[in-house]
C-alpha atoms as a PDB file:
ATOM      1  CA  MET A   1      57.830   6.360  25.095  1.00  0.00           C
ATOM      2  CA  ARG A   2      56.262   9.285  23.269  1.00  0.00           C
ATOM      3  CA  GLY A   3      56.572   7.381  19.978  1.00  0.00           C
ATOM      4  CA  VAL A   4      54.915   4.328  21.495  1.00  0.00           C
ATOM      5  CA  ALA A   5      52.065   6.461  22.816  1.00  0.00           C
ATOM      6  CA  VAL A   6      51.542   8.057  19.411  1.00  0.00           C
ATOM      7  CA  LEU A   7      51.476   4.656  17.728  1.00  0.00           C
ATOM      8  CA  ALA A   8      48.985   3.403  20.308  1.00  0.00           C
ATOM      9  CA  CYS A   9      46.717   6.391  19.689  1.00  0.00           C
ATOM     10  CA  LEU A  10      46.915   5.881  15.925  1.00  0.00           C
ATOM     11  CA  ALA A  11      46.041   2.220  16.372  1.00  0.00           C
ATOM     12  CA  LEU A  12      42.998   3.120  18.460  1.00  0.00           C
ATOM     13  CA  VAL A  13      41.837   5.667  15.872  1.00  0.00           C
ATOM     14  CA  ALA A  14      42.322   3.151  13.060  1.00  0.00           C
ATOM     15  CA  SER A  15      40.411   0.472  14.917  1.00  0.00           C
ATOM     16  CA  GLY A  16      37.575   2.914  15.576  1.00  0.00           C
ATOM     17  CA  CYS A  17      37.366   3.770  11.869  1.00  0.00           C
ATOM     18  CA  ALA A  18      37.381   0.075  11.000  1.00  0.00           C
ATOM     19  CA  LEU A  19      34.511  -0.534  13.382  1.00  0.00           C
ATOM     20  CA  LYS A  20      32.510   2.260  11.776  1.00  0.00           C
ATOM     21  CA  ARG A  21      33.197   0.953   8.271  1.00  0.00           C
ATOM     22  CA  SER A  22      32.206  -2.572   9.241  1.00  0.00           C
ATOM     23  CA  ALA A  23      28.707  -1.647  10.424  1.00  0.00           C
ATOM     24  CA  PRO A  24      26.385  -4.278   8.893  1.00  0.00           C
ATOM     25  CA  ALA A  25      24.023  -3.181   6.132  1.00  0.00           C
ATOM     26  CA  ARG A  26      20.323  -3.871   6.456  1.00  0.00           C
ATOM     27  CA  LEU A  27      18.755  -6.045   3.754  1.00  0.00           C
ATOM     28  CA  TYR A  28      15.325  -5.283   2.300  1.00  0.00           C
ATOM     29  CA  VAL A  29      12.970  -7.023  -0.129  1.00  0.00           C
ATOM     30  CA  LEU A  30       9.810  -5.717  -1.738  1.00  0.00           C
ATOM     31  CA  GLN A  31       6.498  -7.219  -0.637  1.00  0.00           C
ATOM     32  CA  ALA A  32       3.319  -7.792  -2.606  1.00  0.00           C
ATOM     33  CA  VAL A  33       0.491  -5.803  -1.047  1.00  0.00           C
ATOM     34  CA  ALA A  34      -2.316  -5.921  -3.616  1.00  0.00           C
ATOM     35  CA  ARG A  35      -5.385  -7.819  -2.444  1.00  0.00           C
ATOM     36  CA  GLU A  36      -8.482  -8.948  -4.325  1.00  0.00           C
ATOM     37  CA  PRO A  37     -11.609  -8.766  -2.116  1.00  0.00           C
ATOM     38  CA  ALA A  38     -13.620 -11.152  -4.278  1.00  0.00           C
ATOM     39  CA  ALA A  39     -12.848 -14.824  -3.778  1.00  0.00           C
ATOM     40  CA  ALA A  40     -11.829 -16.929  -6.763  1.00  0.00           C
ATOM     41  CA  THR A  41     -14.648 -18.965  -8.280  1.00  0.00           C
ATOM     42  CA  GLY A  42     -12.643 -22.182  -8.545  1.00  0.00           C
ATOM     43  CA  ASP A  43     -13.294 -22.427 -12.274  1.00  0.00           C
ATOM     44  CA  ALA A  44     -10.499 -23.254 -14.709  1.00  0.00           C
ATOM     45  CA  PRO A  45      -8.181 -20.279 -15.402  1.00  0.00           C
ATOM     46  CA  ARG A  46      -9.291 -18.066 -18.281  1.00  0.00           C
ATOM     47  CA  GLY A  47      -5.955 -17.789 -20.015  1.00  0.00           C
ATOM     48  CA  VAL A  48      -2.305 -17.477 -19.051  1.00  0.00           C
ATOM     49  CA  LEU A  49      -0.650 -14.128 -18.331  1.00  0.00           C
ATOM     50  CA  GLY A  50       3.131 -14.111 -18.474  1.00  0.00           C
ATOM     51  CA  VAL A  51       5.169 -11.445 -16.673  1.00  0.00           C
ATOM     52  CA  GLN A  52       8.360 -10.885 -18.631  1.00  0.00           C
ATOM     53  CA  ARG A  53      11.652  -9.798 -17.109  1.00  0.00           C
ATOM     54  CA  VAL A  54      11.483  -6.214 -15.822  1.00  0.00           C
ATOM     55  CA  SER A  55      14.036  -3.647 -16.944  1.00  0.00           C
ATOM     56  CA  VAL A  56      15.358  -0.893 -14.651  1.00  0.00           C
ATOM     57  CA  PRO A  57      17.788   2.001 -15.217  1.00  0.00           C
ATOM     58  CA  ALA A  58      21.468   1.180 -14.738  1.00  0.00           C
ATOM     59  CA  TRP A  59      21.667   3.427 -11.671  1.00  0.00           C
ATOM     60  CA  MET A  60      18.958   1.359  -9.953  1.00  0.00           C
ATOM     61  CA  ASP A  61      20.495  -1.970 -10.922  1.00  0.00           C
ATOM     62  CA  ARG A  62      22.860  -2.169  -7.949  1.00  0.00           C
ATOM     63  CA  PRO A  63      22.793  -3.731  -4.456  1.00  0.00           C
ATOM     64  CA  GLU A  64      22.384  -0.438  -2.581  1.00  0.00           C
ATOM     65  CA  ILE A  65      19.075   1.379  -2.239  1.00  0.00           C
ATOM     66  CA  THR A  66      19.492   4.718  -4.007  1.00  0.00           C
ATOM     67  CA  ALA A  67      18.135   8.239  -3.567  1.00  0.00           C
ATOM     68  CA  ARG A  68      18.281  11.423  -5.617  1.00  0.00           C
ATOM     69  CA  THR A  69      19.512  14.886  -4.658  1.00  0.00           C
ATOM     70  CA  GLY A  70      18.271  18.165  -6.077  1.00  0.00           C
ATOM     71  CA  ARG A  71      21.318  18.329  -8.343  1.00  0.00           C
ATOM     72  CA  GLY A  72      20.605  15.129 -10.250  1.00  0.00           C
ATOM     73  CA  GLU A  73      23.062  13.167  -8.132  1.00  0.00           C
ATOM     74  CA  ILE A  74      22.394   9.508  -7.361  1.00  0.00           C
ATOM     75  CA  VAL A  75      23.293   8.632  -3.769  1.00  0.00           C
ATOM     76  CA  PRO A  76      23.586   4.931  -2.820  1.00  0.00           C
ATOM     77  CA  ASP A  77      22.984   4.041   0.834  1.00  0.00           C
ATOM     78  CA  PRO A  78      25.852   1.788   1.995  1.00  0.00           C
ATOM     79  CA  LEU A  79      23.812   0.626   5.008  1.00  0.00           C
ATOM     80  CA  ALA A  80      20.622  -0.295   3.109  1.00  0.00           C
ATOM     81  CA  ARG A  81      20.822  -2.983   0.444  1.00  0.00           C
ATOM     82  CA  TRP A  82      18.387  -5.025  -1.616  1.00  0.00           C
ATOM     83  CA  GLY A  83      18.143  -8.667  -0.615  1.00  0.00           C
ATOM     84  CA  GLU A  84      17.693  -9.667  -4.268  1.00  0.00           C
ATOM     85  CA  PRO A  85      18.366  -7.999  -7.638  1.00  0.00           C
ATOM     86  CA  ILE A  86      15.889  -5.120  -7.797  1.00  0.00           C
ATOM     87  CA  ALA A  87      14.623  -5.995 -11.299  1.00  0.00           C
ATOM     88  CA  ARG A  88      13.891  -9.550 -10.182  1.00  0.00           C
ATOM     89  CA  GLY A  89      12.189  -8.284  -7.035  1.00  0.00           C
ATOM     90  CA  ILE A  90       9.911  -5.973  -9.014  1.00  0.00           C
ATOM     91  CA  GLN A  91       9.013  -8.783 -11.423  1.00  0.00           C
ATOM     92  CA  ARG A  92       8.215 -11.089  -8.491  1.00  0.00           C
ATOM     93  CA  VAL A  93       6.047  -8.520  -6.702  1.00  0.00           C
ATOM     94  CA  VAL A  94       4.119  -7.511  -9.823  1.00  0.00           C
ATOM     95  CA  ALA A  95       3.442 -11.192 -10.586  1.00  0.00           C
ATOM     96  CA  GLU A  96       2.280 -11.840  -7.007  1.00  0.00           C
ATOM     97  CA  ASN A  97       0.079  -8.731  -7.042  1.00  0.00           C
ATOM     98  CA  LEU A  98      -1.503  -9.753 -10.337  1.00  0.00           C
ATOM     99  CA  ALA A  99      -2.090 -13.290  -9.091  1.00  0.00           C
ATOM    100  CA  ALA A 100      -4.123 -11.781  -6.229  1.00  0.00           C
ATOM    101  CA  LEU A 101      -5.932  -9.261  -8.447  1.00  0.00           C
ATOM    102  CA  LEU A 102      -6.657 -11.693 -11.301  1.00  0.00           C
ATOM    103  CA  PRO A 103      -7.601 -14.998  -9.657  1.00  0.00           C
ATOM    104  CA  GLU A 104      -9.277 -16.069 -12.896  1.00  0.00           C
ATOM    105  CA  ARG A 105      -5.913 -16.006 -14.716  1.00  0.00           C
ATOM    106  CA  HIS A 106      -2.940 -18.312 -14.455  1.00  0.00           C
ATOM    107  CA  LEU A 107       0.193 -16.204 -13.788  1.00  0.00           C
ATOM    108  CA  VAL A 108       3.683 -17.239 -14.847  1.00  0.00           C
ATOM    109  CA  ALA A 109       6.941 -15.292 -14.679  1.00  0.00           C
ATOM    110  CA  ALA A 110       9.832 -15.384 -17.125  1.00  0.00           C
ATOM    111  CA  PRO A 111      11.798 -17.392 -17.908  1.00  0.00           C
ATOM    112  CA  PHE A 112       8.778 -19.413 -19.037  1.00  0.00           C
ATOM    113  CA  PRO A 113       8.901 -23.217 -19.284  1.00  0.00           C
ATOM    114  CA  VAL A 114       9.495 -24.412 -22.846  1.00  0.00           C
ATOM    115  CA  ASN A 115       6.115 -26.138 -23.016  1.00  0.00           C
ATOM    116  CA  GLN A 116       4.201 -23.247 -21.375  1.00  0.00           C
ATOM    117  CA  ALA A 117       1.635 -21.579 -23.644  1.00  0.00           C
ATOM    118  CA  VAL A 118       1.229 -17.884 -22.764  1.00  0.00           C
ATOM    119  CA  ASP A 119      -1.852 -16.008 -23.986  1.00  0.00           C
ATOM    120  CA  HIS A 120      -0.752 -12.500 -23.009  1.00  0.00           C
ATOM    121  CA  ARG A 121       2.653 -11.149 -22.013  1.00  0.00           C
ATOM    122  CA  LEU A 122       3.315  -8.183 -19.766  1.00  0.00           C
ATOM    123  CA  ASP A 123       6.360  -6.029 -20.490  1.00  0.00           C
ATOM    124  CA  VAL A 124       7.348  -3.538 -17.737  1.00  0.00           C
ATOM    125  CA  ALA A 125      10.171  -0.985 -17.872  1.00  0.00           C
ATOM    126  CA  ILE A 126      10.786   0.986 -14.679  1.00  0.00           C
ATOM    127  CA  THR A 127      12.126   4.444 -15.529  1.00  0.00           C
ATOM    128  CA  GLU A 128      12.253   5.907 -12.010  1.00  0.00           C
ATOM    129  CA  GLY A 129      12.201   4.342  -8.555  1.00  0.00           C
ATOM    130  CA  ALA A 130      13.848   6.291  -5.756  1.00  0.00           C
ATOM    131  CA  ARG A 131      13.397   8.768  -2.915  1.00  0.00           C
ATOM    132  CA  GLN A 132      13.559  12.284  -4.335  1.00  0.00           C
ATOM    133  CA  ALA A 133      15.196  15.419  -2.954  1.00  0.00           C
ATOM    134  CA  ASP A 134      11.848  16.629  -1.544  1.00  0.00           C
ATOM    135  CA  GLY A 135      11.450  13.467   0.554  1.00  0.00           C
ATOM    136  CA  SER A 136       8.876  11.815  -1.703  1.00  0.00           C
ATOM    137  CA  VAL A 137       9.303   8.439  -3.387  1.00  0.00           C
ATOM    138  CA  LEU A 138       8.558   8.431  -7.105  1.00  0.00           C
ATOM    139  CA  VAL A 139       7.974   5.303  -9.193  1.00  0.00           C
ATOM    140  CA  GLU A 140       7.428   5.671 -12.925  1.00  0.00           C
ATOM    141  CA  ALA A 141       7.021   2.915 -15.485  1.00  0.00           C
ATOM    142  CA  ARG A 142       6.222   2.163 -19.099  1.00  0.00           C
ATOM    143  CA  TRP A 143       4.279  -1.041 -19.630  1.00  0.00           C
ATOM    144  CA  ALA A 144       2.620  -2.950 -22.413  1.00  0.00           C
ATOM    145  CA  ILE A 145       0.461  -6.040 -22.807  1.00  0.00           C
ATOM    146  CA  LEU A 146       1.306  -8.178 -25.829  1.00  0.00           C
ATOM    147  CA  GLY A 147      -0.844 -10.747 -27.580  1.00  0.00           C
ATOM    148  CA  PRO A 148       0.226 -14.309 -28.482  1.00  0.00           C
ATOM    149  CA  ASP A 149       1.662 -13.054 -31.781  1.00  0.00           C
ATOM    150  CA  GLY A 150       3.635 -10.250 -30.100  1.00  0.00           C
ATOM    151  CA  ALA A 151       1.257  -7.483 -31.170  1.00  0.00           C
ATOM    152  CA  VAL A 152       0.941  -4.615 -28.656  1.00  0.00           C
ATOM    153  CA  LEU A 153      -2.628  -4.612 -27.299  1.00  0.00           C
ATOM    154  CA  VAL A 154      -2.193  -2.025 -24.534  1.00  0.00           C
ATOM    155  CA  GLN A 155       0.643   0.463 -23.995  1.00  0.00           C
ATOM    156  CA  ARG A 156       0.701   3.000 -21.160  1.00  0.00           C
ATOM    157  CA  ARG A 157       2.793   5.027 -18.728  1.00  0.00           C
ATOM    158  CA  SER A 158       2.245   5.089 -14.974  1.00  0.00           C
ATOM    159  CA  SER A 159       3.514   7.442 -12.282  1.00  0.00           C
ATOM    160  CA  HIS A 160       2.974   7.173  -8.524  1.00  0.00           C
ATOM    161  CA  ARG A 161       4.421   9.359  -5.783  1.00  0.00           C
ATOM    162  CA  LYS A 162       4.313   9.096  -1.978  1.00  0.00           C
ATOM    163  CA  ALA A 163       5.341  12.088   0.118  1.00  0.00           C
ATOM    164  CA  GLY A 164       7.065  12.308   3.491  1.00  0.00           C
ATOM    165  CA  VAL A 165       9.510   9.397   3.291  1.00  0.00           C
ATOM    166  CA  ALA A 166      12.693   9.806   5.348  1.00  0.00           C
ATOM    167  CA  THR A 167      14.189   6.312   5.742  1.00  0.00           C
ATOM    168  CA  ALA A 168      15.308   3.365   3.654  1.00  0.00           C
ATOM    169  CA  GLU A 169      12.548   1.252   5.208  1.00  0.00           C
ATOM    170  CA  GLY A 170      10.007   3.892   4.219  1.00  0.00           C
ATOM    171  CA  THR A 171      11.435   3.970   0.697  1.00  0.00           C
ATOM    172  CA  VAL A 172      11.023   0.202   0.322  1.00  0.00           C
ATOM    173  CA  SER A 173       7.457   0.376   1.631  1.00  0.00           C
ATOM    174  CA  ALA A 174       6.572   3.284  -0.682  1.00  0.00           C
ATOM    175  CA  ILE A 175       7.973   1.469  -3.719  1.00  0.00           C
ATOM    176  CA  GLY A 176       5.898  -1.582  -2.772  1.00  0.00           C
ATOM    177  CA  ASP A 177       2.767   0.577  -2.489  1.00  0.00           C
ATOM    178  CA  ALA A 178       3.481   2.138  -5.888  1.00  0.00           C
ATOM    179  CA  LEU A 179       3.909  -1.300  -7.467  1.00  0.00           C
ATOM    180  CA  ALA A 180       0.539  -2.312  -5.995  1.00  0.00           C
ATOM    181  CA  LEU A 181      -1.091   0.689  -7.692  1.00  0.00           C
ATOM    182  CA  LEU A 182       0.730  -0.121 -10.922  1.00  0.00           C
ATOM    183  CA  SER A 183      -0.456  -3.732 -10.681  1.00  0.00           C
ATOM    184  CA  GLY A 184      -4.025  -2.501 -10.218  1.00  0.00           C
ATOM    185  CA  GLU A 185      -3.810  -0.487 -13.440  1.00  0.00           C
ATOM    186  CA  ILE A 186      -2.418  -3.489 -15.292  1.00  0.00           C
ATOM    187  CA  ALA A 187      -5.106  -5.800 -13.883  1.00  0.00           C
ATOM    188  CA  ALA A 188      -7.849  -3.422 -15.050  1.00  0.00           C
ATOM    189  CA  ALA A 189      -6.347  -3.415 -18.550  1.00  0.00           C
ATOM    190  CA  VAL A 190      -6.100  -7.222 -18.603  1.00  0.00           C
ATOM    191  CA  ARG A 191      -9.766  -7.563 -17.622  1.00  0.00           C
ATOM    192  CA  GLY A 192     -10.708  -5.429 -20.633  1.00  0.00           C
ATOM    193  CA  LEU A 193      -8.857  -7.607 -23.140  1.00  0.00           C
ATOM    194  CA  PRO A 194     -10.777  -9.834 -25.548  1.00  0.00           C
ATOM    195  CA  PRO A 195     -10.148 -13.573 -25.205  1.00  0.00           C
ATOM    196  CA  ALA A 196      -6.798 -14.529 -26.663  1.00  0.00           C
ATOM    197  CA  VAL A 197      -6.736 -16.507 -29.888  1.00  0.00           C
ATOM    198  CA  THR A 198      -3.572 -18.561 -30.102  1.00  0.00           C
ATOM    199  CA  PRO A 199      -2.168 -18.481 -33.658  1.00  0.00           C
END
């Protein structure tokens, strides 16, 4: 009887562990938040801006939302996952932000249609995008605007930090806010470009 009781207790413990391991993960997607107060004029678009595929570090390119510790450790959250590949989500949000900020431009995202002429291309490389050990969320990026012939017209670095973030939901929101600020910088640079001359 004692052996049966021990086996029963072990079974209960095992089932409890299984229940804890099977807790469902929450899924998150980034949202475009940039808004252009001025209404579009309705005129024909003044050129086509193409948003190329975004690159992210290998440690970000995973389903789990990640955070950093003070020792340089990357900690994935098993209960908070991206609802789409993070690089694709960033590309989508930047394109949507720019469409709102640049209503006079036609926005397209890579992969571009074969017959689509693109006047300027935006290249974005995210170098940091996670909650830090101090509770802030830091997003850093290198970006460039290329002309029709591939020449670099603008090349810059951007860094945005939001303090006091304690949850995965807050991390996602802070990254979205940082991408809105990044999109604003890009939009300002695009507005300062001379008209594209297709070779």
